[in-house]
Amino acid sequence: MRMGQQTLWAVAALVVAAPLAGCGAGSTGLRAATEHSVTEPSVTEHSGSSSLTVATSLSPGAQGAMYSEGAIAEVRLRAPDGRVVATKRADPGRAIMFRRLPSGRYTVEPALRPCDGTCVHLDPRIDGCRKVVPVSGNTGISVRFVVSKPCAVLPPPLQ
């Protein structure tokens, strides 16, 4: 019976520790994955020859304000007809890629999703912005997030 109690304690420790793994300033809980798609396969990117890479960055707001439990960048991509093609998430500072897109003008809608306790649970979208971007071939843009301000969509930095 003693071995069963040890197993029970080990499981209990994991149950308590798992939600805490993403806590802390700057922690986002998506460290293992650089990108996470949150759309169903039926509405994801279509076959095509173009791609869009969205580089993201996050800076503190006034007086150094940051989200105490972290935040995730979320980019919604709309086709020219207004339909959501895909929504993807990544840690700020990591690129989000939309592949196999037909060439065209897409509306990019980036925003932050602050973590609520851990980044398993996210608050609603904030600090968002939107911009129409022509996508042809391999297109790249940058999104700059500043805490508590609307984001800015910029052309990518020159290499």
N, C-alpha and C. Protein backbone atom coordinates (compact mmCIF):
# COMPACT_ATOMS: atom_id res chain seq x y z
N MET A 1 0.82 -1.19 0.00
CA MET A 1 0.00 0.00 0.00
C MET A 1 0.86 1.26 0.00
N ARG A 2 2.04 1.18 0.59
CA ARG A 2 2.93 2.33 0.66
C ARG A 2 3.29 2.82 -0.74
N MET A 3 3.53 1.95 -1.70
CA MET A 3 3.87 2.35 -3.05
C MET A 3 2.71 3.10 -3.69
N GLY A 4 1.50 2.71 -3.42
CA GLY A 4 0.33 3.40 -3.94
C GLY A 4 0.23 4.82 -3.41
N GLN A 5 0.58 5.04 -2.15
CA GLN A 5 0.55 6.38 -1.58
C GLN A 5 1.60 7.27 -2.23
N GLN A 6 2.79 6.71 -2.52
CA GLN A 6 3.83 7.50 -3.18
C GLN A 6 3.37 7.92 -4.57
N THR A 7 2.72 7.02 -5.28
CA THR A 7 2.21 7.35 -6.61
C THR A 7 1.16 8.44 -6.52
N LEU A 8 0.27 8.33 -5.54
CA LEU A 8 -0.77 9.34 -5.34
C LEU A 8 -0.15 10.70 -5.07
N TRP A 9 0.88 10.76 -4.24
CA TRP A 9 1.54 12.03 -3.94
C TRP A 9 2.23 12.60 -5.18
N ALA A 10 2.83 11.74 -5.99
CA ALA A 10 3.49 12.20 -7.21
C ALA A 10 2.48 12.80 -8.19
N VAL A 11 1.34 12.15 -8.33
CA VAL A 11 0.29 12.66 -9.22
C VAL A 11 -0.24 13.99 -8.67
N ALA A 12 -0.44 14.07 -7.37
CA ALA A 12 -0.93 15.31 -6.76
C ALA A 12 0.07 16.44 -6.98
N ALA A 13 1.36 16.16 -6.86
CA ALA A 13 2.38 17.19 -7.08
C ALA A 13 2.34 17.70 -8.52
N LEU A 14 2.15 16.79 -9.47
CA LEU A 14 2.07 17.21 -10.87
C LEU A 14 0.84 18.06 -11.14
N VAL A 15 -0.28 17.69 -10.53
CA VAL A 15 -1.51 18.45 -10.72
C VAL A 15 -1.35 19.88 -10.21
N VAL A 16 -0.64 20.05 -9.10
CA VAL A 16 -0.42 21.37 -8.53
C VAL A 16 0.64 22.13 -9.33
N ALA A 17 1.71 21.46 -9.75
CA ALA A 17 2.83 22.13 -10.41
C ALA A 17 2.52 22.52 -11.85
N ALA A 18 1.75 21.74 -12.57
CA ALA A 18 1.51 22.01 -14.00
C ALA A 18 0.92 23.39 -14.27
N PRO A 19 -0.13 23.81 -13.55
CA PRO A 19 -0.66 25.15 -13.83
C PRO A 19 0.30 26.27 -13.46
N LEU A 20 1.21 26.02 -12.52
CA LEU A 20 2.15 27.04 -12.10
C LEU A 20 3.32 27.19 -13.03
N ALA A 21 3.52 26.24 -13.92
CA ALA A 21 4.69 26.25 -14.80
C ALA A 21 4.75 27.49 -15.66
N GLY A 22 3.64 28.07 -16.04
CA GLY A 22 3.65 29.24 -16.90
C GLY A 22 3.60 30.55 -16.16
N CYS A 23 3.58 30.54 -14.83
CA CYS A 23 3.44 31.78 -14.07
C CYS A 23 4.74 32.55 -14.03
N GLY A 24 4.63 33.83 -13.74
CA GLY A 24 5.79 34.67 -13.58
C GLY A 24 5.87 35.73 -14.65
N ALA A 25 6.56 36.79 -14.33
CA ALA A 25 6.69 37.89 -15.28
C ALA A 25 7.39 37.44 -16.53
N GLY A 26 6.81 37.75 -17.65
CA GLY A 26 7.42 37.44 -18.93
C GLY A 26 7.20 36.03 -19.39
N SER A 27 6.66 35.18 -18.58
CA SER A 27 6.43 33.81 -18.99
C SER A 27 5.14 33.72 -19.77
N THR A 28 5.17 32.95 -20.87
CA THR A 28 3.98 32.88 -21.69
C THR A 28 3.42 31.48 -21.80
N GLY A 29 4.16 30.48 -21.42
CA GLY A 29 3.63 29.13 -21.48
C GLY A 29 3.65 28.52 -22.86
N LEU A 30 4.12 29.23 -23.89
CA LEU A 30 4.21 28.66 -25.23
C LEU A 30 5.66 28.47 -25.63
N ARG A 31 6.56 28.39 -24.73
CA ARG A 31 7.98 28.32 -25.03
C ARG A 31 8.33 27.13 -25.93
N ALA A 32 7.67 26.00 -25.75
CA ALA A 32 8.00 24.82 -26.54
C ALA A 32 7.55 24.95 -27.98
N ALA A 33 6.52 25.70 -28.22
CA ALA A 33 5.99 25.86 -29.58
C ALA A 33 6.19 27.29 -30.03
N THR A 34 6.70 27.47 -31.25
CA THR A 34 6.92 28.81 -31.74
C THR A 34 5.65 29.39 -32.33
N GLU A 35 4.72 28.53 -32.70
CA GLU A 35 3.51 29.01 -33.35
C GLU A 35 2.39 28.02 -33.07
N HIS A 36 1.20 28.54 -32.89
CA HIS A 36 0.06 27.68 -32.60
C HIS A 36 -1.13 28.16 -33.40
N SER A 37 -1.67 27.28 -34.22
CA SER A 37 -2.84 27.65 -35.01
C SER A 37 -4.09 27.39 -34.18
N VAL A 38 -5.03 28.33 -34.21
CA VAL A 38 -6.24 28.17 -33.42
C VAL A 38 -7.47 28.09 -34.30
N THR A 39 -7.28 27.77 -35.57
CA THR A 39 -8.42 27.64 -36.47
C THR A 39 -8.63 26.18 -36.84
N GLU A 40 -9.81 25.90 -37.31
CA GLU A 40 -10.11 24.56 -37.78
C GLU A 40 -9.52 24.36 -39.17
N PRO A 41 -9.17 23.12 -39.54
CA PRO A 41 -8.59 22.88 -40.85
C PRO A 41 -9.45 23.38 -42.00
N SER A 42 -10.76 23.43 -41.84
CA SER A 42 -11.64 23.85 -42.92
C SER A 42 -11.52 25.34 -43.24
N VAL A 43 -10.94 26.14 -42.32
CA VAL A 43 -10.81 27.57 -42.58
C VAL A 43 -9.36 28.04 -42.54
N THR A 44 -8.41 27.13 -42.62
CA THR A 44 -7.01 27.52 -42.63
C THR A 44 -6.59 27.93 -44.02
N GLU A 45 -5.31 28.17 -44.18
CA GLU A 45 -4.79 28.67 -45.44
C GLU A 45 -5.17 27.75 -46.60
N HIS A 46 -5.36 28.37 -47.75
CA HIS A 46 -5.69 27.64 -48.97
C HIS A 46 -4.42 27.33 -49.71
N SER A 47 -4.50 26.38 -50.63
CA SER A 47 -3.31 26.10 -51.42
C SER A 47 -3.03 27.29 -52.31
N GLY A 48 -1.79 27.69 -52.36
CA GLY A 48 -1.35 28.83 -53.15
C GLY A 48 0.15 28.90 -53.09
N SER A 49 0.72 29.89 -53.73
CA SER A 49 2.17 29.95 -53.79
C SER A 49 2.75 31.07 -52.93
N SER A 50 1.94 31.84 -52.26
CA SER A 50 2.45 32.95 -51.47
C SER A 50 2.47 32.62 -49.98
N SER A 51 3.25 33.40 -49.24
CA SER A 51 3.28 33.25 -47.78
C SER A 51 3.43 34.62 -47.14
N LEU A 52 3.01 34.71 -45.89
CA LEU A 52 3.12 35.93 -45.11
C LEU A 52 3.79 35.59 -43.79
N THR A 53 4.90 36.26 -43.49
CA THR A 53 5.59 36.09 -42.22
C THR A 53 5.40 37.36 -41.41
N VAL A 54 4.91 37.20 -40.18
CA VAL A 54 4.63 38.33 -39.29
C VAL A 54 5.61 38.24 -38.13
N ALA A 55 6.61 39.13 -38.13
CA ALA A 55 7.55 39.22 -37.01
C ALA A 55 6.89 40.06 -35.92
N THR A 56 7.03 39.65 -34.66
CA THR A 56 6.38 40.38 -33.56
C THR A 56 7.41 40.81 -32.53
N SER A 57 7.12 41.92 -31.86
CA SER A 57 7.94 42.37 -30.74
C SER A 57 7.01 42.98 -29.69
N LEU A 58 7.46 42.94 -28.45
CA LEU A 58 6.68 43.49 -27.32
C LEU A 58 7.59 44.34 -26.47
N SER A 59 7.17 45.58 -26.23
CA SER A 59 7.92 46.51 -25.39
C SER A 59 7.06 46.93 -24.20
N PRO A 60 7.70 47.28 -23.09
CA PRO A 60 6.94 47.76 -21.93
C PRO A 60 6.20 49.05 -22.25
N GLY A 61 5.12 49.28 -21.53
CA GLY A 61 4.35 50.51 -21.67
C GLY A 61 4.91 51.58 -20.75
N ALA A 62 4.06 52.56 -20.42
CA ALA A 62 4.45 53.67 -19.55
C ALA A 62 4.96 53.14 -18.21
N GLN A 63 6.00 53.78 -17.72
CA GLN A 63 6.65 53.40 -16.45
C GLN A 63 7.04 51.92 -16.41
N GLY A 64 7.35 51.33 -17.56
CA GLY A 64 7.83 49.96 -17.61
C GLY A 64 6.74 48.90 -17.44
N ALA A 65 5.48 49.27 -17.63
CA ALA A 65 4.37 48.32 -17.43
C ALA A 65 4.49 47.12 -18.37
N MET A 66 4.31 45.94 -17.82
CA MET A 66 4.27 44.68 -18.58
C MET A 66 3.14 43.83 -18.01
N TYR A 67 2.73 42.84 -18.76
CA TYR A 67 1.71 41.92 -18.26
C TYR A 67 2.40 40.96 -17.29
N SER A 68 1.97 40.97 -16.03
CA SER A 68 2.68 40.23 -14.98
C SER A 68 2.74 38.73 -15.23
N GLU A 69 1.76 38.20 -15.91
CA GLU A 69 1.74 36.75 -16.16
C GLU A 69 2.07 36.42 -17.61
N GLY A 70 2.52 37.42 -18.37
CA GLY A 70 2.88 37.21 -19.76
C GLY A 70 1.72 37.49 -20.70
N ALA A 71 1.99 37.39 -21.99
CA ALA A 71 0.98 37.60 -23.02
C ALA A 71 1.40 36.84 -24.27
N ILE A 72 0.41 36.51 -25.08
CA ILE A 72 0.62 35.80 -26.34
C ILE A 72 0.20 36.74 -27.47
N ALA A 73 1.00 36.76 -28.53
CA ALA A 73 0.60 37.51 -29.73
C ALA A 73 -0.35 36.64 -30.54
N GLU A 74 -1.45 37.22 -30.99
CA GLU A 74 -2.42 36.51 -31.81
C GLU A 74 -2.63 37.32 -33.09
N VAL A 75 -2.49 36.66 -34.24
CA VAL A 75 -2.69 37.34 -35.52
C VAL A 75 -3.82 36.65 -36.26
N ARG A 76 -4.84 37.45 -36.57
CA ARG A 76 -5.98 36.98 -37.36
C ARG A 76 -5.75 37.48 -38.79
N LEU A 77 -5.94 36.59 -39.77
CA LEU A 77 -5.75 36.94 -41.17
C LEU A 77 -7.07 36.81 -41.90
N ARG A 78 -7.50 37.91 -42.54
CA ARG A 78 -8.76 37.92 -43.29
C ARG A 78 -8.49 38.01 -44.78
N ALA A 79 -9.23 37.22 -45.55
CA ALA A 79 -9.15 37.24 -47.01
C ALA A 79 -9.79 38.52 -47.53
N PRO A 80 -9.58 38.84 -48.81
CA PRO A 80 -10.19 40.05 -49.38
C PRO A 80 -11.70 40.13 -49.20
N ASP A 81 -12.38 38.98 -49.10
CA ASP A 81 -13.84 39.00 -48.92
C ASP A 81 -14.26 39.16 -47.45
N GLY A 82 -13.29 39.33 -46.54
CA GLY A 82 -13.58 39.54 -45.13
C GLY A 82 -13.63 38.27 -44.29
N ARG A 83 -13.58 37.13 -44.93
CA ARG A 83 -13.62 35.84 -44.22
C ARG A 83 -12.30 35.60 -43.50
N VAL A 84 -12.36 35.07 -42.26
CA VAL A 84 -11.14 34.73 -41.52
C VAL A 84 -10.51 33.50 -42.16
N VAL A 85 -9.29 33.66 -42.64
CA VAL A 85 -8.55 32.57 -43.27
C VAL A 85 -7.85 31.74 -42.21
N ALA A 86 -7.23 32.41 -41.23
CA ALA A 86 -6.51 31.70 -40.17
C ALA A 86 -6.29 32.65 -39.00
N THR A 87 -6.14 32.06 -37.82
CA THR A 87 -5.75 32.78 -36.61
C THR A 87 -4.64 31.97 -35.97
N LYS A 88 -3.51 32.62 -35.74
CA LYS A 88 -2.36 31.92 -35.14
C LYS A 88 -1.82 32.72 -33.98
N ARG A 89 -1.18 31.99 -33.05
CA ARG A 89 -0.61 32.58 -31.84
C ARG A 89 0.85 32.18 -31.70
N ALA A 90 1.61 33.06 -31.08
CA ALA A 90 3.01 32.76 -30.77
C ALA A 90 3.46 33.69 -29.65
N ASP A 91 4.56 33.34 -29.01
CA ASP A 91 5.17 34.24 -28.04
C ASP A 91 5.59 35.52 -28.75
N PRO A 92 5.39 36.68 -28.13
CA PRO A 92 5.92 37.91 -28.74
C PRO A 92 7.43 37.75 -28.93
N GLY A 93 7.91 38.21 -30.05
CA GLY A 93 9.33 38.04 -30.38
C GLY A 93 9.56 36.90 -31.35
N ARG A 94 8.55 36.08 -31.56
CA ARG A 94 8.64 34.97 -32.51
C ARG A 94 7.78 35.28 -33.72
N ALA A 95 8.20 34.75 -34.86
CA ALA A 95 7.46 34.99 -36.10
C ALA A 95 6.26 34.05 -36.22
N ILE A 96 5.24 34.55 -36.86
CA ILE A 96 4.05 33.76 -37.17
C ILE A 96 3.99 33.67 -38.69
N MET A 97 3.82 32.46 -39.22
CA MET A 97 3.82 32.27 -40.67
C MET A 97 2.48 31.75 -41.17
N PHE A 98 2.03 32.35 -42.25
CA PHE A 98 0.85 31.88 -42.98
C PHE A 98 1.36 31.42 -44.34
N ARG A 99 1.19 30.15 -44.63
CA ARG A 99 1.74 29.56 -45.85
C ARG A 99 0.62 29.18 -46.82
N ARG A 100 1.02 28.94 -48.06
CA ARG A 100 0.12 28.44 -49.11
C ARG A 100 -1.09 29.35 -49.30
N LEU A 101 -0.81 30.64 -49.42
CA LEU A 101 -1.88 31.62 -49.63
C LEU A 101 -1.96 32.01 -51.10
N PRO A 102 -3.15 32.16 -51.62
CA PRO A 102 -3.25 32.77 -52.95
C PRO A 102 -2.82 34.24 -52.82
N SER A 103 -2.17 34.76 -53.82
CA SER A 103 -1.79 36.18 -53.79
C SER A 103 -3.04 37.04 -53.67
N GLY A 104 -2.92 38.17 -52.98
CA GLY A 104 -4.06 39.06 -52.81
C GLY A 104 -3.82 40.03 -51.68
N ARG A 105 -4.83 40.81 -51.39
CA ARG A 105 -4.77 41.79 -50.31
C ARG A 105 -5.49 41.21 -49.09
N TYR A 106 -4.74 41.01 -48.02
CA TYR A 106 -5.27 40.42 -46.80
C TYR A 106 -5.29 41.47 -45.70
N THR A 107 -6.27 41.38 -44.82
CA THR A 107 -6.30 42.24 -43.64
C THR A 107 -5.66 41.48 -42.49
N VAL A 108 -4.63 42.07 -41.93
CA VAL A 108 -3.91 41.49 -40.79
C VAL A 108 -4.43 42.18 -39.54
N GLU A 109 -4.86 41.37 -38.56
CA GLU A 109 -5.42 41.90 -37.31
C GLU A 109 -4.65 41.32 -36.11
N PRO A 110 -3.50 41.91 -35.78
CA PRO A 110 -2.75 41.42 -34.62
C PRO A 110 -3.30 42.00 -33.31
N ALA A 111 -3.11 41.28 -32.23
CA ALA A 111 -3.49 41.73 -30.90
C ALA A 111 -2.73 40.90 -29.88
N LEU A 112 -2.75 41.34 -28.64
CA LEU A 112 -2.17 40.56 -27.55
C LEU A 112 -3.28 39.88 -26.78
N ARG A 113 -2.98 38.70 -26.25
CA ARG A 113 -3.89 37.98 -25.35
C ARG A 113 -3.14 37.77 -24.04
N PRO A 114 -3.35 38.65 -23.04
CA PRO A 114 -2.67 38.46 -21.75
C PRO A 114 -3.03 37.13 -21.11
N CYS A 115 -2.05 36.56 -20.43
CA CYS A 115 -2.25 35.29 -19.74
C CYS A 115 -3.06 35.53 -18.47
N ASP A 116 -3.97 34.63 -18.17
CA ASP A 116 -4.81 34.72 -16.99
C ASP A 116 -4.42 33.60 -16.04
N GLY A 117 -3.46 33.87 -15.18
CA GLY A 117 -2.93 32.84 -14.28
C GLY A 117 -1.78 32.13 -14.97
N THR A 118 -2.09 31.39 -16.01
CA THR A 118 -1.07 30.80 -16.88
C THR A 118 -1.53 31.06 -18.30
N CYS A 119 -0.68 30.78 -19.24
CA CYS A 119 -1.06 31.05 -20.63
C CYS A 119 -1.91 29.93 -21.22
N VAL A 120 -2.33 28.99 -20.38
CA VAL A 120 -3.33 28.02 -20.80
C VAL A 120 -4.67 28.76 -20.91
N HIS A 121 -4.87 29.74 -20.04
CA HIS A 121 -6.07 30.57 -20.04
C HIS A 121 -5.67 31.97 -20.46
N LEU A 122 -6.32 32.48 -21.50
CA LEU A 122 -5.97 33.80 -22.03
C LEU A 122 -7.13 34.78 -21.87
N ASP A 123 -6.78 36.02 -21.59
CA ASP A 123 -7.77 37.10 -21.56
C ASP A 123 -8.14 37.46 -23.00
N PRO A 124 -9.19 38.25 -23.18
CA PRO A 124 -9.58 38.68 -24.53
C PRO A 124 -8.48 39.51 -25.20
N ARG A 125 -8.60 39.67 -26.50
CA ARG A 125 -7.65 40.43 -27.31
C ARG A 125 -7.63 41.90 -26.89
N ILE A 126 -6.41 42.46 -26.75
CA ILE A 126 -6.23 43.89 -26.46
C ILE A 126 -5.04 44.41 -27.24
N ASP A 127 -4.83 45.71 -27.20
CA ASP A 127 -3.70 46.37 -27.85
C ASP A 127 -3.60 46.02 -29.33
N GLY A 128 -4.76 45.84 -29.98
CA GLY A 128 -4.79 45.41 -31.36
C GLY A 128 -4.72 46.54 -32.37
N CYS A 129 -4.58 46.15 -33.61
CA CYS A 129 -4.60 47.07 -34.74
C CYS A 129 -4.97 46.25 -35.98
N ARG A 130 -5.06 46.90 -37.13
CA ARG A 130 -5.36 46.17 -38.36
C ARG A 130 -4.76 46.93 -39.52
N LYS A 131 -4.39 46.17 -40.55
CA LYS A 131 -3.83 46.79 -41.74
C LYS A 131 -4.03 45.86 -42.92
N VAL A 132 -4.35 46.44 -44.07
CA VAL A 132 -4.46 45.67 -45.31
C VAL A 132 -3.05 45.55 -45.88
N VAL A 133 -2.67 44.31 -46.20
CA VAL A 133 -1.32 44.01 -46.67
C VAL A 133 -1.41 43.25 -47.99
N PRO A 134 -0.74 43.73 -49.04
CA PRO A 134 -0.69 42.95 -50.27
C PRO A 134 0.28 41.78 -50.08
N VAL A 135 -0.18 40.57 -50.39
CA VAL A 135 0.64 39.37 -50.23
C VAL A 135 0.89 38.77 -51.60
N SER A 136 2.16 38.67 -51.95
CA SER A 136 2.56 38.08 -53.21
C SER A 136 3.96 37.51 -53.01
N GLY A 137 4.16 36.26 -53.37
CA GLY A 137 5.46 35.63 -53.11
C GLY A 137 5.66 35.47 -51.62
N ASN A 138 6.87 35.73 -51.16
CA ASN A 138 7.18 35.65 -49.73
C ASN A 138 7.15 37.05 -49.15
N THR A 139 6.06 37.41 -48.52
CA THR A 139 5.86 38.75 -47.97
C THR A 139 6.15 38.72 -46.47
N GLY A 140 6.77 39.78 -45.97
CA GLY A 140 7.04 39.88 -44.54
C GLY A 140 6.62 41.24 -44.00
N ILE A 141 6.12 41.25 -42.79
CA ILE A 141 5.79 42.48 -42.08
C ILE A 141 6.23 42.34 -40.63
N SER A 142 6.25 43.44 -39.91
CA SER A 142 6.57 43.43 -38.49
C SER A 142 5.41 44.04 -37.72
N VAL A 143 5.14 43.51 -36.54
CA VAL A 143 4.12 44.08 -35.66
C VAL A 143 4.81 44.43 -34.35
N ARG A 144 4.69 45.71 -33.98
CA ARG A 144 5.28 46.17 -32.73
C ARG A 144 4.17 46.38 -31.71
N PHE A 145 4.24 45.63 -30.61
CA PHE A 145 3.31 45.80 -29.50
C PHE A 145 3.98 46.61 -28.40
N VAL A 146 3.26 47.58 -27.86
CA VAL A 146 3.67 48.32 -26.68
C VAL A 146 2.51 48.19 -25.71
N VAL A 147 2.80 47.73 -24.50
CA VAL A 147 1.75 47.48 -23.51
C VAL A 147 0.83 48.68 -23.36
N SER A 148 -0.47 48.44 -23.45
CA SER A 148 -1.54 49.41 -23.27
C SER A 148 -1.65 50.44 -24.39
N LYS A 149 -1.09 50.14 -25.58
CA LYS A 149 -1.23 51.01 -26.74
C LYS A 149 -1.61 50.15 -27.94
N PRO A 150 -2.28 50.74 -28.92
CA PRO A 150 -2.57 49.97 -30.13
C PRO A 150 -1.26 49.55 -30.81
N CYS A 151 -1.23 48.37 -31.38
CA CYS A 151 -0.03 47.90 -32.04
C CYS A 151 0.21 48.67 -33.33
N ALA A 152 1.35 48.45 -33.94
CA ALA A 152 1.70 49.09 -35.21
C ALA A 152 2.19 48.02 -36.17
N VAL A 153 1.64 48.01 -37.39
CA VAL A 153 2.08 47.09 -38.44
C VAL A 153 3.06 47.86 -39.31
N LEU A 154 4.27 47.33 -39.44
CA LEU A 154 5.36 47.99 -40.14
C LEU A 154 5.93 47.08 -41.22
N PRO A 155 6.58 47.66 -42.22
CA PRO A 155 7.30 46.80 -43.15
C PRO A 155 8.44 46.12 -42.39
N PRO A 156 8.94 44.99 -42.89
CA PRO A 156 10.00 44.30 -42.15
C PRO A 156 11.29 45.14 -42.17
N PRO A 157 12.14 44.95 -41.15
CA PRO A 157 13.41 45.69 -41.15
C PRO A 157 14.27 45.24 -42.32
N LEU A 158 15.06 46.15 -42.86
CA LEU A 158 15.96 45.79 -43.95
C LEU A 158 17.06 44.88 -43.43
N GLN A 159 17.39 43.89 -44.19
CA GLN A 159 18.44 42.94 -43.78
C GLN A 159 19.80 43.44 -44.19
